[in-house]
Amino acid sequence: QILVVTDHEVHAFTPTGEPLAHHRVGIGARVVALAPVRDQPKARWLVVGYRDGNLDLVPTSASLTKPSYSFEQVPASPPMAILLGPMHTLIVGYANGLLGMWSQLDGSRLAHARLHGPVVHLRIVGDKLYAATALGRSLVWDLSVFYAERCTLLREVWQDVPVVWDHGQPVVASPPPGHRCSPGIAAVPRE
């Protein structure tokens, strides 16, 4: 689909220019993307970025209910680019140089960085995010943790951080006995 945003509407077209749908959004819409809805493979959210920096998930069908949460810690700056990230994340580049990653499931900000200039280019290649500004600054984020198999990731954490908090104190501890991801137990595929 090709999405065209006006100040308060988003129009969807086929690649040949045939109209598909149109959605009313808040005044000040600037950038848009379509994001999948968890547990509903055919449903999509319209991700809208506004001039004031806010982000919004707009239902594209009557079967969806608009989320009640807001996206946390967005800057007061217009978004320049939105990219769908792994595991229901949104990656947004802003005019003030802020680059952020938010959970589309609850609106929490998961990561952020500041670059010099408006962040206008976002791309994921393999398990890396490449971001670049209009002034030529760039950065690369390693997103491999989002693509890792659960047990592999847990075993790596248990090896690198072999401590737990116990009554307010760090205590050296082994992985939980009997945990399906404990070393020596065959990994169970994700469902």
N, C-alpha and C. Protein backbone atom coordinates (compact mmCIF):
# COMPACT_ATOMS: atom_id res chain seq x y z
N GLN A 1 0.83 -1.19 0.00
CA GLN A 1 0.00 0.00 0.00
C GLN A 1 0.87 1.25 0.00
N ILE A 2 0.35 2.27 -0.63
CA ILE A 2 0.98 3.59 -0.59
C ILE A 2 0.13 4.44 0.33
N LEU A 3 0.75 5.04 1.33
CA LEU A 3 0.03 5.87 2.29
C LEU A 3 0.37 7.33 2.04
N VAL A 4 -0.66 8.17 1.98
CA VAL A 4 -0.49 9.61 1.79
C VAL A 4 -1.14 10.29 2.98
N VAL A 5 -0.37 11.14 3.66
CA VAL A 5 -0.88 11.81 4.85
C VAL A 5 -1.13 13.29 4.54
N THR A 6 -2.30 13.77 4.96
CA THR A 6 -2.58 15.20 4.94
C THR A 6 -2.59 15.64 6.39
N ASP A 7 -3.00 16.85 6.67
CA ASP A 7 -2.94 17.34 8.04
C ASP A 7 -3.80 16.53 9.00
N HIS A 8 -4.90 15.95 8.53
CA HIS A 8 -5.78 15.21 9.44
C HIS A 8 -6.41 13.97 8.80
N GLU A 9 -5.86 13.50 7.69
CA GLU A 9 -6.35 12.29 7.05
C GLU A 9 -5.19 11.48 6.49
N VAL A 10 -5.40 10.17 6.40
CA VAL A 10 -4.44 9.29 5.74
C VAL A 10 -5.21 8.53 4.67
N HIS A 11 -4.68 8.56 3.45
CA HIS A 11 -5.29 7.87 2.32
C HIS A 11 -4.39 6.71 1.93
N ALA A 12 -4.98 5.54 1.69
CA ALA A 12 -4.23 4.36 1.26
C ALA A 12 -4.59 4.07 -0.20
N PHE A 13 -3.54 3.79 -1.00
CA PHE A 13 -3.71 3.50 -2.41
C PHE A 13 -2.97 2.22 -2.77
N THR A 14 -3.41 1.57 -3.85
CA THR A 14 -2.66 0.45 -4.40
C THR A 14 -1.44 1.02 -5.13
N PRO A 15 -0.47 0.18 -5.48
CA PRO A 15 0.68 0.69 -6.25
C PRO A 15 0.30 1.31 -7.60
N THR A 16 -0.88 0.96 -8.12
CA THR A 16 -1.33 1.54 -9.39
C THR A 16 -2.18 2.79 -9.19
N GLY A 17 -2.37 3.21 -7.94
CA GLY A 17 -3.09 4.44 -7.66
C GLY A 17 -4.55 4.30 -7.34
N GLU A 18 -5.05 3.07 -7.26
CA GLU A 18 -6.46 2.86 -6.92
C GLU A 18 -6.66 3.12 -5.43
N PRO A 19 -7.69 3.90 -5.06
CA PRO A 19 -7.93 4.15 -3.63
C PRO A 19 -8.36 2.87 -2.90
N LEU A 20 -7.80 2.66 -1.71
CA LEU A 20 -8.16 1.51 -0.88
C LEU A 20 -8.98 1.92 0.33
N ALA A 21 -8.53 2.95 1.01
CA ALA A 21 -9.20 3.37 2.25
C ALA A 21 -8.75 4.78 2.60
N HIS A 22 -9.50 5.38 3.51
CA HIS A 22 -9.05 6.65 4.06
C HIS A 22 -9.46 6.69 5.52
N HIS A 23 -8.57 7.24 6.34
CA HIS A 23 -8.77 7.26 7.79
C HIS A 23 -8.60 8.69 8.29
N ARG A 24 -9.51 9.09 9.17
CA ARG A 24 -9.37 10.40 9.81
C ARG A 24 -8.43 10.23 11.00
N VAL A 25 -7.50 11.14 11.13
CA VAL A 25 -6.55 11.13 12.24
C VAL A 25 -6.53 12.52 12.85
N GLY A 26 -5.81 12.68 13.95
CA GLY A 26 -5.73 13.98 14.60
C GLY A 26 -5.05 15.02 13.73
N ILE A 27 -5.33 16.28 13.99
CA ILE A 27 -4.71 17.38 13.25
C ILE A 27 -3.21 17.39 13.55
N GLY A 28 -2.42 17.62 12.51
CA GLY A 28 -0.97 17.68 12.67
C GLY A 28 -0.26 16.40 12.30
N ALA A 29 -0.95 15.46 11.65
CA ALA A 29 -0.30 14.22 11.24
C ALA A 29 0.84 14.54 10.29
N ARG A 30 1.95 13.82 10.45
CA ARG A 30 3.14 14.11 9.65
C ARG A 30 3.69 12.88 8.94
N VAL A 31 3.86 11.78 9.64
CA VAL A 31 4.37 10.54 9.04
C VAL A 31 3.49 9.38 9.46
N VAL A 32 3.43 8.35 8.62
CA VAL A 32 2.59 7.20 8.91
C VAL A 32 3.29 5.91 8.50
N ALA A 33 2.82 4.82 9.09
CA ALA A 33 3.26 3.47 8.72
C ALA A 33 2.13 2.52 9.08
N LEU A 34 2.15 1.33 8.53
CA LEU A 34 1.20 0.28 8.90
C LEU A 34 1.93 -0.75 9.74
N ALA A 35 1.35 -1.12 10.88
CA ALA A 35 1.98 -2.09 11.78
C ALA A 35 1.03 -3.24 12.04
N PRO A 36 1.56 -4.48 12.12
CA PRO A 36 0.70 -5.62 12.43
C PRO A 36 0.19 -5.56 13.86
N VAL A 37 -0.96 -6.18 14.07
CA VAL A 37 -1.56 -6.26 15.40
C VAL A 37 -1.23 -7.62 15.99
N ARG A 38 -0.72 -7.64 17.22
CA ARG A 38 -0.37 -8.91 17.84
C ARG A 38 -1.60 -9.80 17.94
N ASP A 39 -1.43 -11.06 17.64
CA ASP A 39 -2.47 -12.09 17.71
C ASP A 39 -3.60 -11.90 16.69
N GLN A 40 -3.44 -10.98 15.75
CA GLN A 40 -4.43 -10.81 14.68
C GLN A 40 -3.66 -10.62 13.36
N PRO A 41 -3.26 -11.72 12.72
CA PRO A 41 -2.34 -11.65 11.58
C PRO A 41 -2.78 -10.75 10.43
N LYS A 42 -4.08 -10.61 10.21
CA LYS A 42 -4.53 -9.80 9.08
C LYS A 42 -4.84 -8.35 9.46
N ALA A 43 -4.88 -8.05 10.74
CA ALA A 43 -5.23 -6.70 11.19
C ALA A 43 -3.99 -5.80 11.21
N ARG A 44 -4.21 -4.50 11.03
CA ARG A 44 -3.12 -3.53 11.01
C ARG A 44 -3.50 -2.27 11.79
N TRP A 45 -2.48 -1.71 12.45
CA TRP A 45 -2.60 -0.38 13.04
C TRP A 45 -2.05 0.62 12.04
N LEU A 46 -2.61 1.78 12.01
CA LEU A 46 -2.01 2.89 11.30
C LEU A 46 -1.19 3.64 12.36
N VAL A 47 0.12 3.65 12.20
CA VAL A 47 0.99 4.35 13.14
C VAL A 47 1.13 5.78 12.63
N VAL A 48 0.73 6.75 13.45
CA VAL A 48 0.76 8.15 13.03
C VAL A 48 1.70 8.93 13.93
N GLY A 49 2.59 9.69 13.31
CA GLY A 49 3.46 10.61 14.04
C GLY A 49 2.98 12.03 13.79
N TYR A 50 2.86 12.81 14.85
CA TYR A 50 2.32 14.17 14.76
C TYR A 50 3.42 15.23 14.90
N ARG A 51 3.12 16.45 14.43
CA ARG A 51 4.07 17.57 14.49
C ARG A 51 4.60 17.83 15.89
N ASP A 52 3.78 17.55 16.92
CA ASP A 52 4.22 17.82 18.30
C ASP A 52 5.06 16.69 18.88
N GLY A 53 5.34 15.65 18.08
CA GLY A 53 6.17 14.54 18.53
C GLY A 53 5.41 13.31 18.97
N ASN A 54 4.13 13.46 19.24
CA ASN A 54 3.35 12.32 19.72
C ASN A 54 3.17 11.26 18.64
N LEU A 55 2.98 10.04 19.11
CA LEU A 55 2.72 8.89 18.25
C LEU A 55 1.35 8.34 18.61
N ASP A 56 0.69 7.74 17.64
CA ASP A 56 -0.65 7.22 17.87
C ASP A 56 -0.85 5.96 17.04
N LEU A 57 -1.58 5.01 17.60
CA LEU A 57 -2.01 3.82 16.85
C LEU A 57 -3.49 4.00 16.53
N VAL A 58 -3.80 4.05 15.25
CA VAL A 58 -5.17 4.26 14.80
C VAL A 58 -5.69 2.95 14.21
N PRO A 59 -6.85 2.46 14.69
CA PRO A 59 -7.41 1.23 14.13
C PRO A 59 -7.75 1.40 12.65
N THR A 60 -7.47 0.37 11.86
CA THR A 60 -7.82 0.42 10.43
C THR A 60 -9.08 -0.40 10.13
N SER A 61 -9.64 -1.02 11.17
CA SER A 61 -10.89 -1.77 10.98
C SER A 61 -11.73 -1.66 12.24
N ALA A 62 -13.01 -1.91 12.08
CA ALA A 62 -13.95 -1.80 13.21
C ALA A 62 -13.68 -2.85 14.29
N SER A 63 -12.94 -3.91 13.96
CA SER A 63 -12.67 -4.96 14.94
C SER A 63 -11.59 -4.56 15.95
N LEU A 64 -10.90 -3.46 15.70
CA LEU A 64 -9.83 -3.01 16.60
C LEU A 64 -10.31 -1.87 17.49
N THR A 65 -9.82 -1.86 18.71
CA THR A 65 -10.11 -0.78 19.65
C THR A 65 -8.85 0.03 19.86
N LYS A 66 -8.97 1.34 19.80
CA LYS A 66 -7.82 2.22 19.99
C LYS A 66 -7.20 1.96 21.35
N PRO A 67 -5.87 1.81 21.43
CA PRO A 67 -5.23 1.57 22.73
C PRO A 67 -5.46 2.74 23.68
N SER A 68 -5.48 2.43 24.97
CA SER A 68 -5.72 3.47 25.98
C SER A 68 -4.43 4.12 26.47
N TYR A 69 -3.28 3.60 26.09
CA TYR A 69 -2.01 4.14 26.58
C TYR A 69 -1.46 5.19 25.61
N SER A 70 -0.52 5.98 26.11
CA SER A 70 0.22 6.94 25.29
C SER A 70 1.65 6.45 25.16
N PHE A 71 2.33 6.87 24.12
CA PHE A 71 3.74 6.53 23.97
C PHE A 71 4.55 7.42 24.90
N GLU A 72 5.43 6.79 25.69
CA GLU A 72 6.18 7.48 26.74
C GLU A 72 7.38 8.24 26.19
N GLN A 73 7.66 9.37 26.80
CA GLN A 73 8.90 10.13 26.59
C GLN A 73 9.18 10.43 25.13
N VAL A 74 8.16 10.86 24.39
CA VAL A 74 8.40 11.31 23.02
C VAL A 74 8.89 12.75 23.09
N PRO A 75 9.78 13.16 22.19
CA PRO A 75 10.26 14.53 22.23
C PRO A 75 9.23 15.49 21.63
N ALA A 76 9.34 16.76 21.97
CA ALA A 76 8.47 17.78 21.40
C ALA A 76 9.09 18.25 20.08
N SER A 77 9.12 17.34 19.13
CA SER A 77 9.76 17.58 17.83
C SER A 77 9.05 16.72 16.80
N PRO A 78 8.92 17.21 15.57
CA PRO A 78 8.23 16.41 14.56
C PRO A 78 8.98 15.14 14.20
N PRO A 79 8.28 14.02 14.11
CA PRO A 79 8.92 12.80 13.62
C PRO A 79 9.18 12.92 12.12
N MET A 80 10.31 12.38 11.70
CA MET A 80 10.71 12.45 10.29
C MET A 80 10.58 11.09 9.60
N ALA A 81 10.73 10.00 10.37
CA ALA A 81 10.68 8.66 9.79
C ALA A 81 10.20 7.67 10.84
N ILE A 82 9.40 6.70 10.42
CA ILE A 82 8.93 5.62 11.28
C ILE A 82 9.28 4.31 10.60
N LEU A 83 9.83 3.38 11.38
CA LEU A 83 10.18 2.06 10.86
C LEU A 83 9.66 1.02 11.83
N LEU A 84 9.07 -0.04 11.31
CA LEU A 84 8.63 -1.14 12.17
C LEU A 84 9.85 -1.95 12.56
N GLY A 85 10.02 -2.16 13.86
CA GLY A 85 11.15 -2.93 14.35
C GLY A 85 10.72 -4.34 14.72
N PRO A 86 11.64 -5.12 15.27
CA PRO A 86 11.33 -6.49 15.66
C PRO A 86 10.43 -6.54 16.89
N MET A 87 9.72 -7.62 17.05
CA MET A 87 8.91 -7.90 18.25
C MET A 87 7.97 -6.74 18.61
N HIS A 88 7.22 -6.26 17.64
CA HIS A 88 6.22 -5.21 17.86
C HIS A 88 6.84 -3.93 18.43
N THR A 89 7.95 -3.52 17.85
CA THR A 89 8.55 -2.24 18.24
C THR A 89 8.40 -1.25 17.09
N LEU A 90 8.45 0.02 17.45
CA LEU A 90 8.44 1.10 16.48
C LEU A 90 9.73 1.89 16.66
N ILE A 91 10.41 2.18 15.58
CA ILE A 91 11.63 2.97 15.62
C ILE A 91 11.31 4.28 14.93
N VAL A 92 11.56 5.39 15.62
CA VAL A 92 11.17 6.70 15.10
C VAL A 92 12.36 7.65 15.15
N GLY A 93 12.57 8.36 14.04
CA GLY A 93 13.58 9.40 13.97
C GLY A 93 12.90 10.76 13.97
N TYR A 94 13.45 11.68 14.75
CA TYR A 94 12.84 13.00 14.94
C TYR A 94 13.69 14.12 14.36
N ALA A 95 13.05 15.27 14.12
CA ALA A 95 13.72 16.44 13.56
C ALA A 95 14.82 16.98 14.48
N ASN A 96 14.68 16.80 15.79
CA ASN A 96 15.68 17.31 16.73
C ASN A 96 16.85 16.36 16.92
N GLY A 97 16.91 15.27 16.15
CA GLY A 97 18.02 14.33 16.24
C GLY A 97 17.78 13.15 17.16
N LEU A 98 16.63 13.11 17.83
CA LEU A 98 16.36 11.97 18.71
C LEU A 98 15.97 10.76 17.86
N LEU A 99 16.52 9.63 18.23
CA LEU A 99 16.15 8.34 17.65
C LEU A 99 15.63 7.51 18.81
N GLY A 100 14.44 6.95 18.66
CA GLY A 100 13.87 6.17 19.75
C GLY A 100 13.24 4.88 19.28
N MET A 101 13.15 3.94 20.22
CA MET A 101 12.46 2.67 19.97
C MET A 101 11.39 2.53 21.05
N TRP A 102 10.15 2.29 20.61
CA TRP A 102 9.03 2.14 21.53
C TRP A 102 8.35 0.80 21.32
N SER A 103 7.76 0.28 22.40
CA SER A 103 6.93 -0.92 22.30
C SER A 103 5.57 -0.50 21.78
N GLN A 104 5.14 -1.16 20.72
CA GLN A 104 3.80 -0.88 20.21
C GLN A 104 2.74 -1.52 21.11
N LEU A 105 3.15 -2.42 22.01
CA LEU A 105 2.20 -3.13 22.87
C LEU A 105 1.78 -2.33 24.09
N ASP A 106 2.68 -1.46 24.61
CA ASP A 106 2.31 -0.69 25.81
C ASP A 106 2.80 0.76 25.78
N GLY A 107 3.48 1.17 24.71
CA GLY A 107 3.93 2.55 24.58
C GLY A 107 5.22 2.89 25.30
N SER A 108 5.85 1.92 25.96
CA SER A 108 7.08 2.22 26.71
C SER A 108 8.25 2.47 25.77
N ARG A 109 9.11 3.44 26.15
CA ARG A 109 10.31 3.70 25.35
C ARG A 109 11.37 2.71 25.79
N LEU A 110 11.92 1.97 24.84
CA LEU A 110 12.88 0.91 25.13
C LEU A 110 14.32 1.37 24.96
N ALA A 111 14.56 2.31 24.07
CA ALA A 111 15.92 2.79 23.82
C ALA A 111 15.84 4.15 23.15
N HIS A 112 16.93 4.92 23.29
CA HIS A 112 16.99 6.19 22.58
C HIS A 112 18.45 6.63 22.42
N ALA A 113 18.67 7.50 21.47
CA ALA A 113 19.99 8.08 21.23
C ALA A 113 19.76 9.45 20.61
N ARG A 114 20.79 10.27 20.66
CA ARG A 114 20.70 11.61 20.08
C ARG A 114 21.77 11.75 19.00
N LEU A 115 21.35 12.20 17.84
CA LEU A 115 22.25 12.44 16.71
C LEU A 115 22.20 13.92 16.35
N HIS A 116 23.18 14.38 15.58
CA HIS A 116 23.20 15.77 15.13
C HIS A 116 22.43 15.87 13.81
N GLY A 117 21.31 16.56 13.84
CA GLY A 117 20.49 16.74 12.65
C GLY A 117 19.26 15.87 12.65
N PRO A 118 18.30 16.21 11.78
CA PRO A 118 17.06 15.43 11.69
C PRO A 118 17.33 13.99 11.23
N VAL A 119 16.76 13.04 11.96
CA VAL A 119 16.93 11.62 11.61
C VAL A 119 15.93 11.29 10.50
N VAL A 120 16.45 11.13 9.29
CA VAL A 120 15.57 10.96 8.13
C VAL A 120 15.69 9.59 7.45
N HIS A 121 16.73 8.83 7.79
CA HIS A 121 16.93 7.53 7.16
C HIS A 121 16.97 6.44 8.23
N LEU A 122 16.12 5.44 8.10
CA LEU A 122 16.09 4.29 9.01
C LEU A 122 16.00 3.03 8.17
N ARG A 123 16.82 2.05 8.51
CA ARG A 123 16.78 0.78 7.78
C ARG A 123 17.30 -0.33 8.67
N ILE A 124 16.64 -1.49 8.61
CA ILE A 124 17.13 -2.68 9.30
C ILE A 124 17.66 -3.64 8.25
N VAL A 125 18.90 -4.06 8.45
CA VAL A 125 19.53 -5.05 7.59
C VAL A 125 20.04 -6.15 8.51
N GLY A 126 19.53 -7.37 8.32
CA GLY A 126 19.89 -8.45 9.23
C GLY A 126 19.36 -8.13 10.61
N ASP A 127 20.25 -8.09 11.61
CA ASP A 127 19.82 -7.75 12.97
C ASP A 127 20.39 -6.40 13.41
N LYS A 128 20.65 -5.52 12.45
CA LYS A 128 21.20 -4.20 12.76
C LYS A 128 20.28 -3.10 12.23
N LEU A 129 20.12 -2.04 13.05
CA LEU A 129 19.40 -0.85 12.63
C LEU A 129 20.43 0.18 12.20
N TYR A 130 20.24 0.74 11.02
CA TYR A 130 21.08 1.82 10.53
C TYR A 130 20.23 3.09 10.51
N ALA A 131 20.73 4.14 11.14
CA ALA A 131 20.03 5.42 11.17
C ALA A 131 20.99 6.51 10.70
N ALA A 132 20.46 7.47 9.94
CA ALA A 132 21.29 8.57 9.46
C ALA A 132 20.48 9.85 9.46
N THR A 133 21.19 10.96 9.65
CA THR A 133 20.54 12.27 9.68
C THR A 133 20.73 12.99 8.35
N ALA A 134 19.99 14.07 8.19
CA ALA A 134 20.11 14.91 7.00
C ALA A 134 21.47 15.60 6.94
N LEU A 135 22.18 15.65 8.07
CA LEU A 135 23.50 16.29 8.13
C LEU A 135 24.64 15.29 8.05
N GLY A 136 24.33 14.02 7.78
CA GLY A 136 25.37 13.02 7.56
C GLY A 136 25.82 12.24 8.78
N ARG A 137 25.26 12.48 9.93
CA ARG A 137 25.60 11.69 11.12
C ARG A 137 24.86 10.36 11.05
N SER A 138 25.44 9.34 11.66
CA SER A 138 24.80 8.02 11.60
C SER A 138 25.13 7.21 12.84
N LEU A 139 24.37 6.16 13.03
CA LEU A 139 24.66 5.18 14.08
C LEU A 139 24.08 3.85 13.68
N VAL A 140 24.58 2.82 14.35
CA VAL A 140 24.12 1.45 14.12
C VAL A 140 23.75 0.87 15.47
N TRP A 141 22.55 0.33 15.59
CA TRP A 141 22.13 -0.38 16.80
C TRP A 141 22.13 -1.87 16.51
N ASP A 142 22.68 -2.64 17.43
CA ASP A 142 22.63 -4.10 17.35
C ASP A 142 21.30 -4.55 17.94
N LEU A 143 20.44 -5.11 17.13
CA LEU A 143 19.12 -5.56 17.57
C LEU A 143 19.06 -7.07 17.75
N SER A 144 20.21 -7.73 17.78
CA SER A 144 20.23 -9.20 17.80
C SER A 144 19.46 -9.78 18.98
N VAL A 145 19.42 -9.08 20.11
CA VAL A 145 18.70 -9.60 21.28
C VAL A 145 17.21 -9.77 20.96
N PHE A 146 16.68 -8.94 20.07
CA PHE A 146 15.26 -9.05 19.70
C PHE A 146 14.99 -10.24 18.79
N TYR A 147 16.02 -10.75 18.15
CA TYR A 147 15.86 -11.86 17.23
C TYR A 147 16.31 -13.19 17.83
N ALA A 148 16.92 -13.15 19.01
CA ALA A 148 17.47 -14.36 19.63
C ALA A 148 16.36 -15.30 20.11
N GLU A 149 16.64 -16.58 20.04
CA GLU A 149 15.74 -17.59 20.60
C GLU A 149 15.76 -17.43 22.12
N ARG A 150 14.62 -17.58 22.75
CA ARG A 150 14.46 -17.28 24.18
C ARG A 150 15.47 -18.01 25.07
N CYS A 151 15.59 -19.33 24.92
CA CYS A 151 16.51 -20.09 25.79
C CYS A 151 17.96 -19.72 25.53
N THR A 152 18.31 -19.47 24.29
CA THR A 152 19.67 -19.04 23.98
C THR A 152 19.98 -17.73 24.68
N LEU A 153 19.04 -16.81 24.64
CA LEU A 153 19.23 -15.51 25.30
C LEU A 153 19.34 -15.66 26.81
N LEU A 154 18.46 -16.45 27.42
CA LEU A 154 18.52 -16.65 28.87
C LEU A 154 19.83 -17.30 29.30
N ARG A 155 20.29 -18.29 28.56
CA ARG A 155 21.56 -18.94 28.91
C ARG A 155 22.72 -17.96 28.82
N GLU A 156 22.68 -17.08 27.84
CA GLU A 156 23.72 -16.06 27.71
C GLU A 156 23.69 -15.10 28.90
N VAL A 157 22.51 -14.68 29.31
CA VAL A 157 22.38 -13.79 30.47
C VAL A 157 22.85 -14.50 31.74
N TRP A 158 22.43 -15.73 31.95
CA TRP A 158 22.85 -16.47 33.15
C TRP A 158 24.37 -16.63 33.20
N GLN A 159 25.00 -16.80 32.04
CA GLN A 159 26.45 -16.95 32.01
C GLN A 159 27.14 -15.61 32.29
N ASP A 160 26.65 -14.53 31.68
CA ASP A 160 27.30 -13.22 31.82
C ASP A 160 26.96 -12.51 33.12
N VAL A 161 25.80 -12.80 33.69
CA VAL A 161 25.36 -12.13 34.92
C VAL A 161 24.88 -13.20 35.90
N PRO A 162 25.81 -13.92 36.54
CA PRO A 162 25.42 -15.05 37.40
C PRO A 162 25.00 -14.62 38.81
N VAL A 163 24.24 -13.53 38.92
CA VAL A 163 23.80 -13.06 40.23
C VAL A 163 22.30 -12.81 40.21
N VAL A 164 21.70 -12.85 41.40
CA VAL A 164 20.30 -12.48 41.59
C VAL A 164 20.24 -11.56 42.80
N TRP A 165 19.16 -10.81 42.92
CA TRP A 165 18.96 -9.98 44.10
C TRP A 165 18.24 -10.81 45.15
N ASP A 166 18.78 -10.83 46.35
CA ASP A 166 18.19 -11.56 47.45
C ASP A 166 18.21 -10.65 48.67
N HIS A 167 17.04 -10.21 49.10
CA HIS A 167 16.91 -9.31 50.25
C HIS A 167 17.77 -8.06 50.08
N GLY A 168 17.74 -7.48 48.88
CA GLY A 168 18.46 -6.24 48.63
C GLY A 168 19.94 -6.39 48.39
N GLN A 169 20.43 -7.61 48.24
CA GLN A 169 21.86 -7.84 48.04
C GLN A 169 22.08 -8.71 46.80
N PRO A 170 23.15 -8.43 46.03
CA PRO A 170 23.47 -9.33 44.92
C PRO A 170 24.09 -10.61 45.45
N VAL A 171 23.60 -11.75 44.98
CA VAL A 171 24.08 -13.06 45.43
C VAL A 171 24.37 -13.91 44.19
N VAL A 172 25.56 -14.54 44.18
CA VAL A 172 25.90 -15.44 43.08
C VAL A 172 24.93 -16.62 43.10
N ALA A 173 24.36 -16.93 41.94
CA ALA A 173 23.37 -18.01 41.88
C ALA A 173 23.44 -18.71 40.53
N SER A 174 23.07 -19.96 40.53
CA SER A 174 22.97 -20.75 39.30
C SER A 174 21.61 -20.52 38.68
N PRO A 175 21.44 -20.89 37.41
CA PRO A 175 20.11 -20.81 36.81
C PRO A 175 19.11 -21.63 37.62
N PRO A 176 17.85 -21.26 37.57
CA PRO A 176 16.84 -21.99 38.34
C PRO A 176 16.82 -23.47 37.96
N PRO A 177 16.92 -24.37 38.95
CA PRO A 177 16.89 -25.80 38.64
C PRO A 177 15.54 -26.17 38.01
N GLY A 178 15.61 -26.99 36.98
CA GLY A 178 14.39 -27.46 36.34
C GLY A 178 13.81 -26.49 35.32
N HIS A 179 14.35 -25.27 35.24
CA HIS A 179 13.84 -24.32 34.24
C HIS A 179 14.08 -24.89 32.85
N ARG A 180 13.12 -24.76 31.97
CA ARG A 180 13.24 -25.37 30.65
C ARG A 180 14.43 -24.86 29.85
N CYS A 181 14.99 -23.71 30.25
CA CYS A 181 16.14 -23.15 29.54
C CYS A 181 17.46 -23.36 30.28
N SER A 182 17.43 -24.03 31.44
CA SER A 182 18.66 -24.27 32.20
C SER A 182 19.65 -25.05 31.36
N PRO A 183 20.96 -24.76 31.52
CA PRO A 183 21.96 -25.53 30.78
C PRO A 183 21.79 -27.02 31.06
N GLY A 184 21.95 -27.82 30.02
CA GLY A 184 21.80 -29.27 30.17
C GLY A 184 20.41 -29.76 29.82
N ILE A 185 19.44 -28.84 29.74
CA ILE A 185 18.08 -29.22 29.35
C ILE A 185 17.91 -28.79 27.90
N ALA A 186 17.42 -29.68 27.07
CA ALA A 186 17.25 -29.38 25.64
C ALA A 186 16.29 -28.20 25.48
N ALA A 187 16.64 -27.28 24.60
CA ALA A 187 15.80 -26.11 24.36
C ALA A 187 14.47 -26.54 23.74
N VAL A 188 13.41 -25.93 24.21
CA VAL A 188 12.08 -26.19 23.68
C VAL A 188 11.75 -25.08 22.70
N PRO A 189 11.34 -25.42 21.48
CA PRO A 189 11.04 -24.37 20.50
C PRO A 189 9.93 -23.45 20.99
N ARG A 190 9.98 -22.19 20.54
CA ARG A 190 8.92 -21.23 20.87
C ARG A 190 7.61 -21.66 20.25
N GLU A 191 6.55 -21.32 20.93
CA GLU A 191 5.22 -21.62 20.40
C GLU A 191 4.71 -20.46 19.61
